[in-house]
Every structure is written in C-alpha cells, then in structure tokens.
Amino acid sequence: MIPRINRIHHVAIICSDYEKSRHFYTKVLGFVVLQEVYREEKRSYKLDLQVGELYQIELFSFPQPPPRPSRPEAAGLRHLALEVDDIDDAVAAVKWHGVPVEDVRVDEYTGKRFTFFADPDGLPIEFYEK
C-alpha cells in the first residue's frame, strides 16, 4: 500500500534572527505573508509565506536554536530550489539587495541554468530556470 500524496504542502525553516530572515524572505525574495503569529509559550514566531500559487514556507524563530552542520554532502536537506522564469532577472534582483550569488551554471543533464545563494543563516537556496 502506498499513500496518495498530492504535493508538497510546505517547507519549514528555523532561523536564528527572525527580523533579518523575515526581511530576506519577504523583501528580497518577495514571498507574500499569509499569516504571522507570536507563540508566547514557545517565545517563537511562526510566519507563513506564500511561494507562487501552490506552496508555502513556514519560517520559525526559537530562542537560541542549535546550529545545524551544513556541508555540501551532509545527510539531510541539501538546499531549497526555487523555479524562476528568467534567471538573469532573478539574480539581478537579489544582488540588488546585496546578496552574493554564485556564477550561473548549466545542468549537464537538463540543459537548464541554475545558481546558488544563501539566506541569512547560510541555508543554500537555488534559482533554477524554467
């Protein structure tokens, strides 16, 4: 028996500096705020962000979250990939905000262009051209 899975609903990210990450995801990447709540008992914000028309990112803050090792080949989530229509426009937009972006490369199997940059906590984010 295999469960019927419709789609990925959301990706959850824990940040170390809520205001800095909120700014990055809403002002630099332009994600729309769906809901923002402060959970007093956890001393934690939960920010629901709309990504395109189907997906969401849940951005959490917790007091003093432990660091997560993030090596390129470490086990676990490797990066967050965001599809863009025009990679040159997307790269220019985040660079305008002072975000360093790697050189654009070409996927050897699909021929699609892609590049990487990082959120304020160093989470690798990929732009992948449609």
Foldseek 3Di string as FASTA:
>chain_A
DDDDDDDDAEAEDEDADVVQLVCCVCVQVNWAWPDWDQDVVQRKIWTWTDQPDGYIYTYMYGHPDDDDDQDCPDPDDRAAEHEDADVVVSVVSNVVVVWDKDDWDADPPPRWIKTWTAGPSRGIYMYTYD
